[in-house]
C-alpha atoms as a PDB file:
ATOM      1  CA  MET A   1    -140.380-117.078 125.571  1.00  0.00           C
ATOM      2  CA  ALA A   2    -138.041-117.576 128.564  1.00  0.00           C
ATOM      3  CA  GLN A   3    -136.981-120.893 130.363  1.00  0.00           C
ATOM      4  CA  ILE A   4    -136.277-121.883 133.457  1.00  0.00           C
ATOM      5  CA  GLU A   5    -134.661-124.586 134.868  1.00  0.00           C
ATOM      6  CA  THR A   6    -133.725-125.017 138.387  1.00  0.00           C
ATOM      7  CA  GLY A   7    -131.843-127.788 140.236  1.00  0.00           C
ATOM      8  CA  LEU A   8    -128.984-128.648 142.765  1.00  0.00           C
ATOM      9  CA  LEU A   9    -126.091-127.106 143.199  1.00  0.00           C
ATOM     10  CA  ILE A  10    -123.324-129.188 145.171  1.00  0.00           C
ATOM     11  CA  GLY A  11    -119.138-127.795 145.606  1.00  0.00           C
ATOM     12  CA  GLY A  12    -116.080-127.271 147.278  1.00  0.00           C
ATOM     13  CA  GLY A  13    -112.780-125.819 147.125  1.00  0.00           C
ATOM     14  CA  ILE A  14    -110.161-123.725 148.953  1.00  0.00           C
ATOM     15  CA  GLY A  15    -108.445-120.382 148.768  1.00  0.00           C
ATOM     16  CA  ASN A  16    -107.007-117.637 151.433  1.00  0.00           C
ATOM     17  CA  VAL A  17    -107.660-114.856 153.668  1.00  0.00           C
ATOM     18  CA  THR A  18    -105.637-111.496 152.958  1.00  0.00           C
ATOM     19  CA  ASN A  19    -105.427-108.554 154.653  1.00  0.00           C
ATOM     20  CA  THR A  20    -105.805-109.211 158.045  1.00  0.00           C
ATOM     21  CA  SER A  21    -104.887-107.893 161.069  1.00  0.00           C
ATOM     22  CA  LEU A  22    -104.871-108.966 164.936  1.00  0.00           C
ATOM     23  CA  ARG A  23    -107.320-108.151 167.373  1.00  0.00           C
ATOM     24  CA  LEU A  24    -105.920-107.818 170.717  1.00  0.00           C
ATOM     25  CA  SER A  25    -106.820-105.375 173.556  1.00  0.00           C
ATOM     26  CA  ASP A  26    -103.210-105.521 175.498  1.00  0.00           C
ATOM     27  CA  PRO A  27    -100.496-103.547 174.154  1.00  0.00           C
ATOM     28  CA  GLY A  28     -97.659-105.207 175.993  1.00  0.00           C
ATOM     29  CA  VAL A  29     -98.784-108.308 173.852  1.00  0.00           C
ATOM     30  CA  ILE A  30     -99.067-106.387 170.617  1.00  0.00           C
ATOM     31  CA  GLN A  31     -95.462-104.757 171.346  1.00  0.00           C
ATOM     32  CA  THR A  32     -94.093-108.180 171.381  1.00  0.00           C
ATOM     33  CA  LEU A  33     -95.810-109.300 168.001  1.00  0.00           C
ATOM     34  CA  GLU A  34     -94.876-106.960 166.306  1.00  0.00           C
ATOM     35  CA  LYS A  35     -91.162-107.172 167.250  1.00  0.00           C
ATOM     36  CA  SER A  36     -90.835-110.725 167.214  1.00  0.00           C
ATOM     37  CA  GLY A  37     -93.707-112.646 166.295  1.00  0.00           C
ATOM     38  CA  LYS A  38     -95.782-113.622 163.310  1.00  0.00           C
ATOM     39  CA  TYR A  39     -99.349-115.223 162.742  1.00  0.00           C
ATOM     40  CA  SER A  40    -100.574-117.174 159.945  1.00  0.00           C
ATOM     41  CA  LEU A  41    -104.028-118.326 158.531  1.00  0.00           C
ATOM     42  CA  ASN A  42    -103.928-121.838 156.979  1.00  0.00           C
ATOM     43  CA  TYR A  43    -107.848-121.900 154.448  1.00  0.00           C
ATOM     44  CA  GLN A  44    -108.053-125.232 155.069  1.00  0.00           C
ATOM     45  CA  PHE A  45    -111.311-125.704 152.899  1.00  0.00           C
ATOM     46  CA  ASN A  46    -114.765-124.978 151.851  1.00  0.00           C
ATOM     47  CA  THR A  47    -117.977-126.651 151.207  1.00  0.00           C
ATOM     48  CA  THR A  48    -121.452-125.580 149.513  1.00  0.00           C
ATOM     49  CA  LEU A  49    -124.550-126.671 148.934  1.00  0.00           C
ATOM     50  CA  GLY A  50    -127.296-125.458 147.275  1.00  0.00           C
ATOM     51  CA  TYR A  51    -130.171-124.566 144.546  1.00  0.00           C
ATOM     52  CA  ARG A  52    -129.733-122.780 141.128  1.00  0.00           C
ATOM     53  CA  PHE A  53    -132.302-121.172 139.169  1.00  0.00           C
ATOM     54  CA  ARG A  54    -131.026-120.899 135.145  1.00  0.00           C
ATOM     55  CA  LEU A  55    -132.956-118.079 133.053  1.00  0.00           C
ATOM     56  CA  TYR A  56    -132.824-118.127 129.325  1.00  0.00           C
ATOM     57  CA  ASN A  57    -134.393-117.411 125.571  1.00  0.00           C
ATOM     58  CA  PRO A  58    -134.175-121.026 124.018  1.00  0.00           C
ATOM     59  CA  LYS A  59    -134.215-119.128 120.222  1.00  0.00           C
ATOM     60  CA  HIS A  60    -131.147-116.713 121.648  1.00  0.00           C
ATOM     61  CA  LYS A  61    -128.920-118.888 124.014  1.00  0.00           C
ATOM     62  CA  THR A  62    -126.129-117.337 123.528  1.00  0.00           C
ATOM     63  CA  PHE A  63    -126.459-115.611 126.647  1.00  0.00           C
ATOM     64  CA  PHE A  64    -128.014-116.935 129.922  1.00  0.00           C
ATOM     65  CA  TYR A  65    -128.651-115.932 133.981  1.00  0.00           C
ATOM     66  CA  ASP A  66    -127.570-117.823 136.849  1.00  0.00           C
ATOM     67  CA  LEU A  67    -129.791-117.261 140.309  1.00  0.00           C
ATOM     68  CA  ASP A  68    -128.216-119.666 143.092  1.00  0.00           C
ATOM     69  CA  VAL A  69    -129.110-120.107 146.840  1.00  0.00           C
ATOM     70  CA  LEU A  70    -126.007-121.476 148.768  1.00  0.00           C
ATOM     71  CA  THR A  71    -125.195-122.297 151.745  1.00  0.00           C
ATOM     72  CA  GLY A  72    -121.917-123.944 153.049  1.00  0.00           C
ATOM     73  CA  ILE A  73    -119.149-124.027 155.793  1.00  0.00           C
ATOM     74  CA  LYS A  74    -115.378-122.910 155.576  1.00  0.00           C
ATOM     75  CA  LYS A  75    -112.708-124.082 157.887  1.00  0.00           C
ATOM     76  CA  ILE A  76    -109.667-121.765 158.662  1.00  0.00           C
ATOM     77  CA  GLU A  77    -106.527-122.597 161.214  1.00  0.00           C
ATOM     78  CA  LEU A  78    -105.611-119.989 162.871  1.00  0.00           C
ATOM     79  CA  LYS A  79    -101.989-120.040 164.431  1.00  0.00           C
ATOM     80  CA  THR A  80    -100.106-117.412 166.607  1.00  0.00           C
ATOM     81  CA  SER A  81     -96.409-117.220 167.572  1.00  0.00           C
ATOM     82  CA  PHE A  82     -93.981-114.798 169.237  1.00  0.00           C
ATOM     83  CA  SER A  83     -90.994-114.720 171.638  1.00  0.00           C
ATOM     84  CA  ASP A  84     -90.901-112.765 174.839  1.00  0.00           C
ATOM     85  CA  GLU A  85     -88.132-110.600 176.633  1.00  0.00           C
ATOM     86  CA  THR A  86     -86.640-114.377 177.803  1.00  0.00           C
ATOM     87  CA  ASN A  87     -86.740-115.432 174.088  1.00  0.00           C
ATOM     88  CA  ALA A  88     -89.206-118.087 175.518  1.00  0.00           C
ATOM     89  CA  LEU A  89     -91.477-118.894 172.116  1.00  0.00           C
ATOM     90  CA  SER A  90     -95.525-118.805 172.793  1.00  0.00           C
ATOM     91  CA  GLU A  91     -97.552-120.100 170.163  1.00  0.00           C
ATOM     92  CA  VAL A  92    -101.576-120.404 169.811  1.00  0.00           C
ATOM     93  CA  LYS A  93    -103.275-122.295 167.990  1.00  0.00           C
ATOM     94  CA  SER A  94    -107.263-122.301 166.998  1.00  0.00           C
ATOM     95  CA  SER A  95    -109.745-123.486 164.234  1.00  0.00           C
ATOM     96  CA  ASP A  96    -112.403-121.234 163.580  1.00  0.00           C
ATOM     97  CA  TRP A  97    -115.775-122.929 161.104  1.00  0.00           C
ATOM     98  CA  PHE A  98    -117.720-120.330 159.458  1.00  0.00           C
ATOM     99  CA  CYS A  99    -121.054-120.173 157.829  1.00  0.00           C
ATOM    100  CA  PRO A 100    -121.683-118.258 154.746  1.00  0.00           C
ATOM    101  CA  VAL A 101    -125.000-117.436 152.936  1.00  0.00           C
ATOM    102  CA  SER A 102    -124.906-115.990 149.879  1.00  0.00           C
ATOM    103  CA  LEU A 103    -127.531-114.831 146.889  1.00  0.00           C
ATOM    104  CA  ALA A 104    -124.957-114.897 143.883  1.00  0.00           C
ATOM    105  CA  ALA A 105    -126.137-113.748 140.563  1.00  0.00           C
ATOM    106  CA  SER A 106    -124.107-113.958 137.264  1.00  0.00           C
ATOM    107  CA  VAL A 107    -124.545-113.551 133.759  1.00  0.00           C
ATOM    108  CA  ASN A 108    -122.924-116.219 131.475  1.00  0.00           C
ATOM    109  CA  TYR A 109    -121.875-116.464 127.931  1.00  0.00           C
ATOM    110  CA  ARG A 110    -121.915-119.407 125.801  1.00  0.00           C
ATOM    111  CA  ILE A 111    -118.582-119.595 124.193  1.00  0.00           C
ATOM    112  CA  MET A 112    -119.720-122.830 122.206  1.00  0.00           C
ATOM    113  CA  LYS A 113    -121.949-125.631 122.752  1.00  0.00           C
ATOM    114  CA  GLY A 114    -121.584-126.946 126.384  1.00  0.00           C
ATOM    115  CA  LEU A 115    -118.968-124.348 127.151  1.00  0.00           C
ATOM    116  CA  TYR A 116    -119.543-121.091 128.782  1.00  0.00           C
ATOM    117  CA  VAL A 117    -117.792-118.424 131.147  1.00  0.00           C
ATOM    118  CA  GLY A 118    -119.689-116.053 133.287  1.00  0.00           C
ATOM    119  CA  VAL A 119    -119.021-113.057 135.966  1.00  0.00           C
ATOM    120  CA  GLY A 120    -121.190-111.986 139.016  1.00  0.00           C
ATOM    121  CA  VAL A 121    -121.595-111.222 142.481  1.00  0.00           C
ATOM    122  CA  ALA A 122    -122.608-113.233 145.544  1.00  0.00           C
ATOM    123  CA  PRO A 123    -123.648-110.868 148.494  1.00  0.00           C
ATOM    124  CA  THR A 124    -123.153-113.509 151.086  1.00  0.00           C
ATOM    125  CA  CYS A 125    -123.770-113.287 155.491  1.00  0.00           C
ATOM    126  CA  ILE A 126    -121.189-114.752 157.003  1.00  0.00           C
ATOM    127  CA  PHE A 127    -121.931-116.940 160.264  1.00  0.00           C
ATOM    128  CA  ALA A 128    -119.023-117.420 163.024  1.00  0.00           C
ATOM    129  CA  SER A 129    -118.173-116.415 166.347  1.00  0.00           C
ATOM    130  CA  LYS A 130    -118.702-112.766 164.608  1.00  0.00           C
ATOM    131  CA  ILE A 131    -121.218-112.044 161.766  1.00  0.00           C
ATOM    132  CA  ALA A 132    -120.217-110.422 158.789  1.00  0.00           C
ATOM    133  CA  PHE A 133    -121.563-109.196 155.386  1.00  0.00           C
ATOM    134  CA  ASP A 134    -119.363-109.480 152.244  1.00  0.00           C
ATOM    135  CA  ILE A 135    -119.920-109.065 148.588  1.00  0.00           C
ATOM    136  CA  PRO A 136    -117.562-110.770 146.476  1.00  0.00           C
ATOM    137  CA  VAL A 137    -117.049-110.890 142.503  1.00  0.00           C
ATOM    138  CA  VAL A 138    -117.401-114.031 140.546  1.00  0.00           C
ATOM    139  CA  ALA A 139    -115.904-114.959 137.717  1.00  0.00           C
ATOM    140  CA  LYS A 140    -116.522-118.522 136.129  1.00  0.00           C
ATOM    141  CA  VAL A 141    -116.010-121.122 133.069  1.00  0.00           C
ATOM    142  CA  GLY A 142    -118.124-123.803 133.279  1.00  0.00           C
ATOM    143  CA  TYR A 143    -119.154-126.931 130.748  1.00  0.00           C
ATOM    144  CA  ASP A 144    -123.109-128.457 130.873  1.00  0.00           C
ATOM    145  CA  ILE A 145    -123.545-131.937 129.080  1.00  0.00           C
ATOM    146  CA  LYS A 146    -126.249-131.799 126.729  1.00  0.00           C
ATOM    147  CA  ASN A 147    -128.525-130.233 129.839  1.00  0.00           C
ATOM    148  CA  LYS A 148    -128.332-133.477 132.043  1.00  0.00           C
ATOM    149  CA  ILE A 149    -125.055-132.250 134.424  1.00  0.00           C
ATOM    150  CA  GLY A 150    -122.996-129.096 134.069  1.00  0.00           C
ATOM    151  CA  PHE A 151    -119.115-128.166 136.014  1.00  0.00           C
ATOM    152  CA  SER A 152    -117.739-124.955 136.909  1.00  0.00           C
ATOM    153  CA  LEU A 153    -114.476-123.570 138.255  1.00  0.00           C
ATOM    154  CA  SER A 154    -115.005-120.117 139.790  1.00  0.00           C
ATOM    155  CA  TYR A 155    -112.803-117.784 141.176  1.00  0.00           C
ATOM    156  CA  GLN A 156    -114.706-115.130 143.717  1.00  0.00           C
ATOM    157  CA  HIS A 157    -112.963-112.321 145.893  1.00  0.00           C
ATOM    158  CA  SER A 158    -114.447-110.101 148.631  1.00  0.00           C
ATOM    159  CA  LEU A 159    -114.697-106.665 147.870  1.00  0.00           C
ATOM    160  CA  LEU A 160    -115.425-106.042 151.877  1.00  0.00           C
ATOM    161  CA  LYS A 161    -112.639-107.167 154.614  1.00  0.00           C
ATOM    162  CA  ALA A 162    -115.461-110.242 156.077  1.00  0.00           C
ATOM    163  CA  PHE A 163    -113.013-112.065 157.735  1.00  0.00           C
ATOM    164  CA  LYS A 164    -113.441-111.228 161.511  1.00  0.00           C
ATOM    165  CA  THR A 165    -113.337-113.560 164.468  1.00  0.00           C
ATOM    166  CA  ASN A 166    -112.205-112.991 168.254  1.00  0.00           C
ATOM    167  CA  GLU A 167    -108.542-113.171 167.078  1.00  0.00           C
ATOM    168  CA  TYR A 168    -108.360-111.403 163.877  1.00  0.00           C
ATOM    169  CA  ASP A 169    -110.021-108.795 161.910  1.00  0.00           C
ATOM    170  CA  GLY A 170    -110.217-107.473 158.712  1.00  0.00           C
ATOM    171  CA  GLY A 171    -109.364-110.022 155.879  1.00  0.00           C
ATOM    172  CA  ARG A 172    -110.803-110.476 152.593  1.00  0.00           C
ATOM    173  CA  PHE A 173    -111.495-113.938 150.942  1.00  0.00           C
ATOM    174  CA  SER A 174    -110.206-115.014 147.860  1.00  0.00           C
ATOM    175  CA  GLU A 175    -111.712-118.797 147.007  1.00  0.00           C
ATOM    176  CA  TRP A 176    -111.171-121.191 143.487  1.00  0.00           C
ATOM    177  CA  ASN A 177    -114.195-123.581 143.764  1.00  0.00           C
ATOM    178  CA  VAL A 178    -115.413-126.502 141.846  1.00  0.00           C
ATOM    179  CA  SER A 179    -119.338-127.185 141.952  1.00  0.00           C
ATOM    180  CA  VAL A 180    -121.455-129.713 139.859  1.00  0.00           C
ATOM    181  CA  TYR A 181    -124.967-129.034 138.736  1.00  0.00           C
ATOM    182  CA  ILE A 182    -127.257-131.335 138.548  1.00  0.00           C
ATOM    183  CA  PRO A 183    -130.778-129.934 136.760  1.00  0.00           C
ATOM    184  CA  PHE A 184    -134.165-131.587 137.901  1.00  0.00           C
ATOM    185  CA  THR A 185    -136.821-128.852 135.717  1.00  0.00           C
ATOM    186  CA  LEU A 186    -137.620-126.977 132.971  1.00  0.00           C
ATOM    187  CA  ASN A 187    -140.228-124.676 133.355  1.00  0.00           C
ATOM    188  CA  LYS A 188    -141.431-122.486 130.455  1.00  0.00           C
ATOM    189  CA  LEU A 189    -142.055-118.751 131.270  1.00  0.00           C
ATOM    190  CA  LYS A 190    -144.910-116.469 129.522  1.00  0.00           C
END
């Protein structure tokens, strides 16, 4: 007989964006930037809030499955700087906020009492100045304390180029997150 445990999931983390390219329409600006410019992205933070459904068999607790419904915010600072023909330095700074909504599924293996590792995927829709879809892969390690609270550290990496703004295109998110799981209910499934 399977059991399902549900509860609140709160987390946050840091990361970076890789494989980006500038989205500019003026060929002159593009040539100038390619010759004497640089751009940088500073991934400042992310937060998550969600609800977890944990499914397991009490007779065989080695493997269990998590299904997380998550939302949150990500803040990224964008900076572009370049010199023109007169060597005048131009710099443009802006910040973008992203609101991801995801449904993360993972298969977990209990190494010993409380300690587990897991892998999964987290299909995500990202709302920002441009709407994007992503499918990051997730690896995590966690520890549950007597079914009262759980902590986990996870790494996720985008498979698709989901980072899109008015200035940048084609980046992949790479993130480290820490989360706290607070179980509320335990139900038996027949």
